[in-house]
């Protein structure tokens, strides 16, 4: 295990939290959506909000993985698949330091 993995995970957690804060603040500032008979700004706002919800769901799932990986760093088990207990390949951890499952169980 690389010694700086917890620092990398902490930085990733902070980036995700910042993105979530920015994402949710922009939704609150957007105001309400009104729909008329014509396709207009209300429709584009609705589409933007749907995209924001999808992005938020992805960020929340990633944040959960980052936090679980940090837990495993602190308590042992980092780099092992949560499901099968086999080592997660180093290449996968290089790309996704917060990976908590092997490729087979992702």
PDB file of N, CA and C in Angstrom:
ATOM      1  N   UNK A   1       0.844  -1.184   0.000  1.00  0.00           N
ATOM      2  CA  UNK A   1       0.000   0.000   0.000  1.00  0.00           C
ATOM      3  C   UNK A   1       0.884   1.239   0.000  1.00  0.00           C
ATOM      4  N   UNK A   2       0.518   2.207  -0.792  1.00  0.00           N
ATOM      5  CA  UNK A   2       1.239   3.470  -0.832  1.00  0.00           C
ATOM      6  C   UNK A   2       0.983   4.246   0.455  1.00  0.00           C
ATOM      7  N   UNK A   3       2.011   4.848   1.029  1.00  0.00           N
ATOM      8  CA  UNK A   3       1.846   5.544   2.302  1.00  0.00           C
ATOM      9  C   UNK A   3       0.974   6.791   2.212  1.00  0.00           C
ATOM     10  N   UNK A   4       0.830   7.374   1.043  1.00  0.00           N
ATOM     11  CA  UNK A   4       0.054   8.605   0.911  1.00  0.00           C
ATOM     12  C   UNK A   4      -1.406   8.367   0.543  1.00  0.00           C
ATOM     13  N   UNK A   5      -1.858   7.126   0.594  1.00  0.00           N
ATOM     14  CA  UNK A   5      -3.205   6.802   0.129  1.00  0.00           C
ATOM     15  C   UNK A   5      -4.276   7.506   0.971  1.00  0.00           C
ATOM     16  N   UNK A   6      -4.095   7.605   2.280  1.00  0.00           N
ATOM     17  CA  UNK A   6      -5.113   8.277   3.092  1.00  0.00           C
ATOM     18  C   UNK A   6      -5.188   9.759   2.755  1.00  0.00           C
ATOM     19  N   UNK A   7      -4.050  10.376   2.490  1.00  0.00           N
ATOM     20  CA  UNK A   7      -4.041  11.794   2.100  1.00  0.00           C
ATOM     21  C   UNK A   7      -4.774  11.976   0.771  1.00  0.00           C
ATOM     22  N   UNK A   8      -4.514  11.089  -0.189  1.00  0.00           N
ATOM     23  CA  UNK A   8      -5.200  11.151  -1.483  1.00  0.00           C
ATOM     24  C   UNK A   8      -6.711  10.973  -1.320  1.00  0.00           C
ATOM     25  N   UNK A   9      -7.081  10.029  -0.458  1.00  0.00           N
ATOM     26  CA  UNK A   9      -8.507   9.788  -0.219  1.00  0.00           C
ATOM     27  C   UNK A   9      -9.152  10.982   0.476  1.00  0.00           C
ATOM     28  N   UNK A  10      -8.446  11.591   1.418  1.00  0.00           N
ATOM     29  CA  UNK A  10      -8.974  12.778   2.110  1.00  0.00           C
ATOM     30  C   UNK A  10      -9.171  13.929   1.121  1.00  0.00           C
ATOM     31  N   UNK A  11      -8.227  14.108   0.217  1.00  0.00           N
ATOM     32  CA  UNK A  11      -8.351  15.153  -0.803  1.00  0.00           C
ATOM     33  C   UNK A  11      -9.528  14.870  -1.732  1.00  0.00           C
ATOM     34  N   UNK A  12      -9.706  13.612  -2.111  1.00  0.00           N
ATOM     35  CA  UNK A  12     -10.826  13.243  -2.977  1.00  0.00           C
ATOM     36  C   UNK A  12     -12.148  13.470  -2.256  1.00  0.00           C
ATOM     37  N   UNK A  13     -12.198  13.122  -0.980  1.00  0.00           N
ATOM     38  CA  UNK A  13     -13.427  13.350  -0.206  1.00  0.00           C
ATOM     39  C   UNK A  13     -13.771  14.834  -0.172  1.00  0.00           C
ATOM     40  N   UNK A  14     -12.784  15.670   0.029  1.00  0.00           N
ATOM     41  CA  UNK A  14     -13.020  17.119   0.063  1.00  0.00           C
ATOM     42  C   UNK A  14     -13.479  17.635  -1.294  1.00  0.00           C
ATOM     43  N   UNK A  15     -12.884  17.135  -2.384  1.00  0.00           N
ATOM     44  CA  UNK A  15     -13.319  17.541  -3.732  1.00  0.00           C
ATOM     45  C   UNK A  15     -14.780  17.165  -3.971  1.00  0.00           C
ATOM     46  N   UNK A  16     -15.148  15.966  -3.573  1.00  0.00           N
ATOM     47  CA  UNK A  16     -16.534  15.519  -3.774  1.00  0.00           C
ATOM     48  C   UNK A  16     -17.483  16.372  -2.949  1.00  0.00           C
ATOM     49  N   UNK A  17     -17.122  16.625  -1.706  1.00  0.00           N
ATOM     50  CA  UNK A  17     -17.982  17.455  -0.842  1.00  0.00           C
ATOM     51  C   UNK A  17     -18.153  18.854  -1.427  1.00  0.00           C
ATOM     52  N   UNK A  18     -17.088  19.411  -1.993  1.00  0.00           N
ATOM     53  CA  UNK A  18     -17.171  20.736  -2.626  1.00  0.00           C
ATOM     54  C   UNK A  18     -18.079  20.705  -3.848  1.00  0.00           C
ATOM     55  N   UNK A  19     -17.930  19.670  -4.669  1.00  0.00           N
ATOM     56  CA  UNK A  19     -18.776  19.540  -5.855  1.00  0.00           C
ATOM     57  C   UNK A  19     -20.244  19.392  -5.457  1.00  0.00           C
ATOM     58  N   UNK A  20     -20.505  18.614  -4.422  1.00  0.00           N
ATOM     59  CA  UNK A  20     -21.886  18.449  -3.952  1.00  0.00           C
ATOM     60  C   UNK A  20     -22.447  19.773  -3.438  1.00  0.00           C
ATOM     61  N   UNK A  21     -21.646  20.520  -2.704  1.00  0.00           N
ATOM     62  CA  UNK A  21     -22.102  21.808  -2.191  1.00  0.00           C
ATOM     63  C   UNK A  21     -22.415  22.764  -3.338  1.00  0.00           C
ATOM     64  N   UNK A  22     -21.549  22.794  -4.331  1.00  0.00           N
ATOM     65  CA  UNK A  22     -21.769  23.660  -5.489  1.00  0.00           C
ATOM     66  C   UNK A  22     -23.005  23.223  -6.271  1.00  0.00           C
ATOM     67  N   UNK A  23     -23.166  21.946  -6.433  1.00  0.00           N
ATOM     68  CA  UNK A  23     -24.291  21.403  -7.177  1.00  0.00           C
ATOM     69  C   UNK A  23     -25.615  21.734  -6.488  1.00  0.00           C
ATOM     70  N   UNK A  24     -25.677  21.548  -5.179  1.00  0.00           N
ATOM     71  CA  UNK A  24     -26.927  21.806  -4.468  1.00  0.00           C
ATOM     72  C   UNK A  24     -27.205  23.293  -4.328  1.00  0.00           C
ATOM     73  N   UNK A  25     -26.173  24.135  -4.243  1.00  0.00           N
ATOM     74  CA  UNK A  25     -26.420  25.573  -4.144  1.00  0.00           C
ATOM     75  C   UNK A  25     -26.953  26.123  -5.455  1.00  0.00           C
ATOM     76  N   UNK A  26     -26.476  25.614  -6.579  1.00  0.00           N
ATOM     77  CA  UNK A  26     -26.961  26.108  -7.869  1.00  0.00           C
ATOM     78  C   UNK A  26     -28.413  25.731  -8.098  1.00  0.00           C
ATOM     79  N   UNK A  27     -28.868  24.601  -7.555  1.00  0.00           N
ATOM     80  CA  UNK A  27     -30.272  24.209  -7.679  1.00  0.00           C
ATOM     81  C   UNK A  27     -31.150  25.138  -6.853  1.00  0.00           C
ATOM     82  N   UNK A  28     -30.706  25.473  -5.634  1.00  0.00           N
ATOM     83  CA  UNK A  28     -31.490  26.359  -4.776  1.00  0.00           C
ATOM     84  C   UNK A  28     -31.604  27.754  -5.380  1.00  0.00           C
ATOM     85  N   UNK A  29     -30.552  28.217  -6.045  1.00  0.00           N
ATOM     86  CA  UNK A  29     -30.556  29.549  -6.638  1.00  0.00           C
ATOM     87  C   UNK A  29     -31.400  29.615  -7.901  1.00  0.00           C
ATOM     88  N   UNK A  30     -31.671  28.472  -8.534  1.00  0.00           N
ATOM     89  CA  UNK A  30     -32.367  28.459  -9.813  1.00  0.00           C
ATOM     90  C   UNK A  30     -33.830  28.868  -9.693  1.00  0.00           C
ATOM     91  N   UNK A  31     -34.441  28.692  -8.542  1.00  0.00           N
ATOM     92  CA  UNK A  31     -35.831  29.069  -8.370  1.00  0.00           C
ATOM     93  C   UNK A  31     -36.779  27.979  -8.816  1.00  0.00           C
ATOM     94  N   UNK A  32     -38.027  28.381  -9.034  1.00  0.00           N
ATOM     95  CA  UNK A  32     -39.040  27.400  -9.397  1.00  0.00           C
ATOM     96  C   UNK A  32     -39.151  27.280 -10.914  1.00  0.00           C
ATOM     97  N   UNK A  33     -39.700  26.169 -11.320  1.00  0.00           N
ATOM     98  CA  UNK A  33     -39.883  25.897 -12.746  1.00  0.00           C
ATOM     99  C   UNK A  33     -41.364  26.046 -13.071  1.00  0.00           C
ATOM    100  N   UNK A  34     -41.652  26.801 -14.128  1.00  0.00           N
ATOM    101  CA  UNK A  34     -43.039  26.903 -14.566  1.00  0.00           C
ATOM    102  C   UNK A  34     -43.131  26.371 -15.991  1.00  0.00           C
ATOM    103  N   UNK A  35     -44.190  25.642 -16.252  1.00  0.00           N
ATOM    104  CA  UNK A  35     -44.384  25.054 -17.572  1.00  0.00           C
ATOM    105  C   UNK A  35     -45.619  25.667 -18.210  1.00  0.00           C
ATOM    106  N   UNK A  36     -45.479  25.990 -19.456  1.00  0.00           N
ATOM    107  CA  UNK A  36     -46.599  26.505 -20.227  1.00  0.00           C
ATOM    108  C   UNK A  36     -46.899  25.555 -21.365  1.00  0.00           C
ATOM    109  N   UNK A  37     -47.576  26.070 -22.380  1.00  0.00           N
ATOM    110  CA  UNK A  37     -47.907  25.248 -23.535  1.00  0.00           C
ATOM    111  C   UNK A  37     -46.724  25.098 -24.477  1.00  0.00           C
ATOM    112  N   UNK A  38     -45.775  25.993 -24.411  1.00  0.00           N
ATOM    113  CA  UNK A  38     -44.621  25.936 -25.296  1.00  0.00           C
ATOM    114  C   UNK A  38     -43.398  25.403 -24.547  1.00  0.00           C
ATOM    115  N   UNK A  39     -42.538  24.749 -25.322  1.00  0.00           N
ATOM    116  CA  UNK A  39     -41.274  24.302 -24.771  1.00  0.00           C
ATOM    117  C   UNK A  39     -40.417  25.547 -24.592  1.00  0.00           C
ATOM    118  N   UNK A  40     -39.919  25.703 -23.399  1.00  0.00           N
ATOM    119  CA  UNK A  40     -39.138  26.906 -23.161  1.00  0.00           C
ATOM    120  C   UNK A  40     -38.143  26.708 -22.059  1.00  0.00           C
ATOM    121  N   UNK A  41     -37.909  27.786 -21.358  1.00  0.00           N
ATOM    122  CA  UNK A  41     -36.889  27.768 -20.323  1.00  0.00           C
ATOM    123  C   UNK A  41     -37.229  26.794 -19.199  1.00  0.00           C
ATOM    124  N   UNK A  42     -38.496  26.630 -18.879  1.00  0.00           N
ATOM    125  CA  UNK A  42     -38.899  25.682 -17.840  1.00  0.00           C
ATOM    126  C   UNK A  42     -38.476  24.269 -18.179  1.00  0.00           C
ATOM    127  N   UNK A  43     -38.595  23.905 -19.448  1.00  0.00           N
ATOM    128  CA  UNK A  43     -38.198  22.566 -19.882  1.00  0.00           C
ATOM    129  C   UNK A  43     -36.691  22.384 -19.762  1.00  0.00           C
ATOM    130  N   UNK A  44     -35.940  23.380 -20.193  1.00  0.00           N
ATOM    131  CA  UNK A  44     -34.478  23.252 -20.103  1.00  0.00           C
ATOM    132  C   UNK A  44     -34.036  23.237 -18.641  1.00  0.00           C
ATOM    133  N   UNK A  45     -34.704  23.987 -17.785  1.00  0.00           N
ATOM    134  CA  UNK A  45     -34.380  23.957 -16.354  1.00  0.00           C
ATOM    135  C   UNK A  45     -34.662  22.578 -15.765  1.00  0.00           C
ATOM    136  N   UNK A  46     -35.767  21.966 -16.194  1.00  0.00           N
ATOM    137  CA  UNK A  46     -36.104  20.632 -15.704  1.00  0.00           C
ATOM    138  C   UNK A  46     -35.064  19.616 -16.144  1.00  0.00           C
ATOM    139  N   UNK A  47     -34.625  19.708 -17.383  1.00  0.00           N
ATOM    140  CA  UNK A  47     -33.592  18.801 -17.892  1.00  0.00           C
ATOM    141  C   UNK A  47     -32.294  19.015 -17.119  1.00  0.00           C
ATOM    142  N   UNK A  48     -31.933  20.272 -16.870  1.00  0.00           N
ATOM    143  CA  UNK A  48     -30.730  20.571 -16.094  1.00  0.00           C
ATOM    144  C   UNK A  48     -30.817  19.982 -14.692  1.00  0.00           C
ATOM    145  N   UNK A  49     -31.973  20.083 -14.082  1.00  0.00           N
ATOM    146  CA  UNK A  49     -32.140  19.533 -12.729  1.00  0.00           C
ATOM    147  C   UNK A  49     -32.048  18.013 -12.725  1.00  0.00           C
ATOM    148  N   UNK A  50     -32.612  17.382 -13.752  1.00  0.00           N
ATOM    149  CA  UNK A  50     -32.497  15.925 -13.847  1.00  0.00           C
ATOM    150  C   UNK A  50     -31.040  15.505 -13.980  1.00  0.00           C
ATOM    151  N   UNK A  51     -30.289  16.229 -14.775  1.00  0.00           N
ATOM    152  CA  UNK A  51     -28.861  15.940 -14.922  1.00  0.00           C
ATOM    153  C   UNK A  51     -28.142  16.163 -13.595  1.00  0.00           C
ATOM    154  N   UNK A  52     -28.523  17.215 -12.870  1.00  0.00           N
ATOM    155  CA  UNK A  52     -27.903  17.504 -11.573  1.00  0.00           C
ATOM    156  C   UNK A  52     -28.203  16.403 -10.568  1.00  0.00           C
ATOM    157  N   UNK A  53     -29.411  15.868 -10.600  1.00  0.00           N
ATOM    158  CA  UNK A  53     -29.770  14.775  -9.695  1.00  0.00           C
ATOM    159  C   UNK A  53     -28.928  13.541  -9.995  1.00  0.00           C
ATOM    160  N   UNK A  54     -28.767  13.237 -11.264  1.00  0.00           N
ATOM    161  CA  UNK A  54     -27.945  12.089 -11.660  1.00  0.00           C
ATOM    162  C   UNK A  54     -26.502  12.283 -11.214  1.00  0.00           C
ATOM    163  N   UNK A  55     -25.973  13.468 -11.424  1.00  0.00           N
ATOM    164  CA  UNK A  55     -24.609  13.777 -10.998  1.00  0.00           C
ATOM    165  C   UNK A  55     -24.492  13.670  -9.489  1.00  0.00           C
ATOM    166  N   UNK A  56     -25.481  14.175  -8.780  1.00  0.00           N
ATOM    167  CA  UNK A  56     -25.463  14.111  -7.317  1.00  0.00           C
ATOM    168  C   UNK A  56     -25.461  12.659  -6.834  1.00  0.00           C
ATOM    169  N   UNK A  57     -26.260  11.818  -7.454  1.00  0.00           N
ATOM    170  CA  UNK A  57     -26.296  10.402  -7.068  1.00  0.00           C
ATOM    171  C   UNK A  57     -24.937   9.743  -7.277  1.00  0.00           C
ATOM    172  N   UNK A  58     -24.290  10.052  -8.394  1.00  0.00           N
ATOM    173  CA  UNK A  58     -22.969   9.491  -8.674  1.00  0.00           C
ATOM    174  C   UNK A  58     -21.936   9.986  -7.667  1.00  0.00           C
ATOM    175  N   UNK A  59     -21.987  11.276  -7.340  1.00  0.00           N
ATOM    176  CA  UNK A  59     -21.045  11.836  -6.370  1.00  0.00           C
ATOM    177  C   UNK A  59     -21.270  11.243  -4.980  1.00  0.00           C
ATOM    178  N   UNK A  60     -22.520  11.053  -4.591  1.00  0.00           N
ATOM    179  CA  UNK A  60     -22.809  10.465  -3.277  1.00  0.00           C
ATOM    180  C   UNK A  60     -22.311   9.021  -3.193  1.00  0.00           C
ATOM    181  N   UNK A  61     -22.462   8.266  -4.281  1.00  0.00           N
ATOM    182  CA  UNK A  61     -21.959   6.889  -4.295  1.00  0.00           C
ATOM    183  C   UNK A  61     -20.439   6.881  -4.211  1.00  0.00           C
ATOM    184  N   UNK A  62     -19.789   7.789  -4.930  1.00  0.00           N
ATOM    185  CA  UNK A  62     -18.331   7.867  -4.885  1.00  0.00           C
ATOM    186  C   UNK A  62     -17.871   8.293  -3.489  1.00  0.00           C
ATOM    187  N   UNK A  63     -18.572   9.238  -2.881  1.00  0.00           N
ATOM    188  CA  UNK A  63     -18.228   9.687  -1.532  1.00  0.00           C
ATOM    189  C   UNK A  63     -18.324   8.532  -0.541  1.00  0.00           C
ATOM    190  N   UNK A  64     -19.345   7.710  -0.682  1.00  0.00           N
ATOM    191  CA  UNK A  64     -19.494   6.535   0.184  1.00  0.00           C
ATOM    192  C   UNK A  64     -18.310   5.583   0.009  1.00  0.00           C
ATOM    193  N   UNK A  65     -17.893   5.350  -1.221  1.00  0.00           N
ATOM    194  CA  UNK A  65     -16.737   4.479  -1.477  1.00  0.00           C
ATOM    195  C   UNK A  65     -15.456   5.073  -0.895  1.00  0.00           C
ATOM    196  N   UNK A  66     -15.262   6.379  -1.055  1.00  0.00           N
ATOM    197  CA  UNK A  66     -14.070   7.030  -0.513  1.00  0.00           C
ATOM    198  C   UNK A  66     -14.037   6.878   1.001  1.00  0.00           C
ATOM    199  N   UNK A  67     -15.165   7.102   1.637  1.00  0.00           N
ATOM    200  CA  UNK A  67     -15.219   6.981   3.104  1.00  0.00           C
ATOM    201  C   UNK A  67     -14.975   5.541   3.553  1.00  0.00           C
ATOM    202  N   UNK A  68     -15.505   4.572   2.813  1.00  0.00           N
ATOM    203  CA  UNK A  68     -15.254   3.174   3.164  1.00  0.00           C
ATOM    204  C   UNK A  68     -13.789   2.822   2.971  1.00  0.00           C
ATOM    205  N   UNK A  69     -13.192   3.322   1.910  1.00  0.00           N
ATOM    206  CA  UNK A  69     -11.760   3.067   1.675  1.00  0.00           C
ATOM    207  C   UNK A  69     -10.931   3.687   2.797  1.00  0.00           C
ATOM    208  N   UNK A  70     -11.279   4.888   3.223  1.00  0.00           N
ATOM    209  CA  UNK A  70     -10.543   5.531   4.326  1.00  0.00           C
ATOM    210  C   UNK A  70     -10.705   4.726   5.617  1.00  0.00           C
ATOM    211  N   UNK A  71     -11.881   4.175   5.823  1.00  0.00           N
ATOM    212  CA  UNK A  71     -12.101   3.323   6.993  1.00  0.00           C
ATOM    213  C   UNK A  71     -11.161   2.115   6.936  1.00  0.00           C
ATOM    214  N   UNK A  72     -11.072   1.505   5.764  1.00  0.00           N
ATOM    215  CA  UNK A  72     -10.205   0.327   5.612  1.00  0.00           C
ATOM    216  C   UNK A  72      -8.725   0.680   5.774  1.00  0.00           C
ATOM    217  N   UNK A  73      -8.337   1.874   5.358  1.00  0.00           N
ATOM    218  CA  UNK A  73      -6.961   2.311   5.572  1.00  0.00           C
ATOM    219  C   UNK A  73      -6.690   2.403   7.077  1.00  0.00           C
ATOM    220  N   UNK A  74      -7.625   2.990   7.806  1.00  0.00           N
ATOM    221  CA  UNK A  74      -7.445   3.207   9.241  1.00  0.00           C
ATOM    222  C   UNK A  74      -7.550   1.924  10.058  1.00  0.00           C
ATOM    223  N   UNK A  75      -8.408   0.993   9.616  1.00  0.00           N
ATOM    224  CA  UNK A  75      -8.696  -0.202  10.424  1.00  0.00           C
ATOM    225  C   UNK A  75      -8.187  -1.502   9.810  1.00  0.00           C
ATOM    226  N   UNK A  76      -7.464  -1.394   8.727  1.00  0.00           N
ATOM    227  CA  UNK A  76      -6.958  -2.603   8.067  1.00  0.00           C
ATOM    228  C   UNK A  76      -7.910  -3.078   6.987  1.00  0.00           C
ATOM    229  N   UNK A  77      -7.367  -3.724   6.022  1.00  0.00           N
ATOM    230  CA  UNK A  77      -8.191  -4.269   4.951  1.00  0.00           C
ATOM    231  C   UNK A  77      -8.189  -3.440   3.686  1.00  0.00           C
ATOM    232  N   UNK A  78      -7.459  -2.311   3.684  1.00  0.00           N
ATOM    233  CA  UNK A  78      -7.405  -1.532   2.453  1.00  0.00           C
ATOM    234  C   UNK A  78      -6.721  -2.367   1.368  1.00  0.00           C
ATOM    235  N   UNK A  79      -7.314  -2.331   0.182  1.00  0.00           N
ATOM    236  CA  UNK A  79      -6.746  -3.086  -0.933  1.00  0.00           C
ATOM    237  C   UNK A  79      -7.304  -4.489  -1.056  1.00  0.00           C
ATOM    238  N   UNK A  80      -8.220  -4.856  -0.162  1.00  0.00           N
ATOM    239  CA  UNK A  80      -8.881  -6.161  -0.242  1.00  0.00           C
ATOM    240  C   UNK A  80     -10.342  -5.948  -0.608  1.00  0.00           C
ATOM    241  N   UNK A  81     -10.863  -6.804  -1.455  1.00  0.00           N
ATOM    242  CA  UNK A  81     -12.267  -6.728  -1.868  1.00  0.00           C
ATOM    243  C   UNK A  81     -13.173  -6.960  -0.666  1.00  0.00           C
ATOM    244  N   UNK A  82     -14.162  -6.081  -0.507  1.00  0.00           N
ATOM    245  CA  UNK A  82     -15.110  -6.221   0.597  1.00  0.00           C
ATOM    246  C   UNK A  82     -15.945  -7.499   0.496  1.00  0.00           C
ATOM    247  N   UNK A  83     -16.136  -8.001  -0.696  1.00  0.00           N
ATOM    248  CA  UNK A  83     -16.995  -9.170  -0.871  1.00  0.00           C
ATOM    249  C   UNK A  83     -16.245 -10.488  -0.796  1.00  0.00           C
ATOM    250  N   UNK A  84     -15.142 -10.598  -1.525  1.00  0.00           N
ATOM    251  CA  UNK A  84     -14.455 -11.899  -1.582  1.00  0.00           C
ATOM    252  C   UNK A  84     -13.174 -11.936  -0.760  1.00  0.00           C
ATOM    253  N   UNK A  85     -12.684 -10.765  -0.334  1.00  0.00           N
ATOM    254  CA  UNK A  85     -11.474 -10.713   0.475  1.00  0.00           C
ATOM    255  C   UNK A  85     -10.179 -10.850  -0.302  1.00  0.00           C
ATOM    256  N   UNK A  86     -10.274 -11.019  -1.608  1.00  0.00           N
ATOM    257  CA  UNK A  86      -9.081 -11.127  -2.448  1.00  0.00           C
ATOM    258  C   UNK A  86      -8.464  -9.745  -2.657  1.00  0.00           C
ATOM    259  N   UNK A  87      -7.152  -9.701  -2.886  1.00  0.00           N
ATOM    260  CA  UNK A  87      -6.510  -8.403  -3.134  1.00  0.00           C
ATOM    261  C   UNK A  87      -7.054  -7.734  -4.394  1.00  0.00           C
ATOM    262  N   UNK A  88      -7.257  -6.429  -4.282  1.00  0.00           N
ATOM    263  CA  UNK A  88      -7.641  -5.635  -5.442  1.00  0.00           C
ATOM    264  C   UNK A  88      -6.341  -5.341  -6.199  1.00  0.00           C
ATOM    265  N   UNK A  89      -6.292  -5.594  -7.505  1.00  0.00           N
ATOM    266  CA  UNK A  89      -5.050  -5.368  -8.253  1.00  0.00           C
ATOM    267  C   UNK A  89      -4.533  -3.937  -8.073  1.00  0.00           C
ATOM    268  N   UNK A  90      -3.228  -3.827  -7.955  1.00  0.00           N
ATOM    269  CA  UNK A  90      -2.576  -2.527  -7.761  1.00  0.00           C
ATOM    270  C   UNK A  90      -2.937  -1.547  -8.877  1.00  0.00           C
ATOM    271  N   UNK A  91      -3.082  -2.048 -10.102  1.00  0.00           N
ATOM    272  CA  UNK A  91      -3.446  -1.185 -11.218  1.00  0.00           C
ATOM    273  C   UNK A  91      -4.800  -0.524 -10.985  1.00  0.00           C
ATOM    274  N   UNK A  92      -5.751  -1.294 -10.442  1.00  0.00           N
ATOM    275  CA  UNK A  92      -7.084  -0.745 -10.153  1.00  0.00           C
ATOM    276  C   UNK A  92      -6.993   0.318  -9.066  1.00  0.00           C
ATOM    277  N   UNK A  93      -6.190   0.060  -8.045  1.00  0.00           N
ATOM    278  CA  UNK A  93      -6.039   1.027  -6.960  1.00  0.00           C
ATOM    279  C   UNK A  93      -5.294   2.277  -7.426  1.00  0.00           C
ATOM    280  N   UNK A  94      -4.447   2.138  -8.422  1.00  0.00           N
ATOM    281  CA  UNK A  94      -3.768   3.314  -8.982  1.00  0.00           C
ATOM    282  C   UNK A  94      -4.788   4.238  -9.646  1.00  0.00           C
ATOM    283  N   UNK A  95      -5.740   3.644 -10.366  1.00  0.00           N
ATOM    284  CA  UNK A  95      -6.754   4.419 -11.078  1.00  0.00           C
ATOM    285  C   UNK A  95      -7.846   4.889 -10.127  1.00  0.00           C
ATOM    286  N   UNK A  96      -8.294   4.004  -9.244  1.00  0.00           N
ATOM    287  CA  UNK A  96      -9.358   4.302  -8.282  1.00  0.00           C
ATOM    288  C   UNK A  96      -8.869   3.974  -6.866  1.00  0.00           C
ATOM    289  N   UNK A  97      -8.169   4.878  -6.222  1.00  0.00           N
ATOM    290  CA  UNK A  97      -7.665   4.578  -4.882  1.00  0.00           C
ATOM    291  C   UNK A  97      -8.789   4.255  -3.885  1.00  0.00           C
ATOM    292  N   UNK A  98     -10.011   4.654  -4.202  1.00  0.00           N
ATOM    293  CA  UNK A  98     -11.150   4.394  -3.312  1.00  0.00           C
ATOM    294  C   UNK A  98     -11.895   3.111  -3.670  1.00  0.00           C
ATOM    295  N   UNK A  99     -11.335   2.310  -4.561  1.00  0.00           N
ATOM    296  CA  UNK A  99     -11.973   1.036  -4.906  1.00  0.00           C
ATOM    297  C   UNK A  99     -12.042   0.146  -3.666  1.00  0.00           C
ATOM    298  N   UNK A 100     -13.218  -0.363  -3.372  1.00  0.00           N
ATOM    299  CA  UNK A 100     -13.410  -1.240  -2.216  1.00  0.00           C
ATOM    300  C   UNK A 100     -13.790  -2.659  -2.651  1.00  0.00           C
ATOM    301  N   UNK A 101     -13.902  -2.837  -3.965  1.00  0.00           N
ATOM    302  CA  UNK A 101     -14.224  -4.157  -4.510  1.00  0.00           C
ATOM    303  C   UNK A 101     -13.340  -4.441  -5.716  1.00  0.00           C
ATOM    304  N   UNK A 102     -13.079  -5.712  -5.922  1.00  0.00           N
ATOM    305  CA  UNK A 102     -12.310  -6.128  -7.091  1.00  0.00           C
ATOM    306  C   UNK A 102     -13.182  -5.934  -8.336  1.00  0.00           C
ATOM    307  N   UNK A 103     -12.575  -6.088  -9.494  1.00  0.00           N
ATOM    308  CA  UNK A 103     -13.296  -5.887 -10.761  1.00  0.00           C
ATOM    309  C   UNK A 103     -14.468  -6.836 -10.886  1.00  0.00           C
ATOM    310  N   UNK A 104     -14.289  -8.073 -10.446  1.00  0.00           N
ATOM    311  CA  UNK A 104     -15.348  -9.082 -10.546  1.00  0.00           C
ATOM    312  C   UNK A 104     -16.595  -8.679  -9.742  1.00  0.00           C
ATOM    313  N   UNK A 105     -16.408  -7.990  -8.619  1.00  0.00           N
ATOM    314  CA  UNK A 105     -17.534  -7.659  -7.736  1.00  0.00           C
ATOM    315  C   UNK A 105     -17.931  -6.182  -7.745  1.00  0.00           C
ATOM    316  N   UNK A 106     -17.420  -5.423  -8.691  1.00  0.00           N
ATOM    317  CA  UNK A 106     -17.757  -4.003  -8.708  1.00  0.00           C
ATOM    318  C   UNK A 106     -19.179  -3.821  -8.976  1.00  0.00           C
TER     319      UNK A 106
END
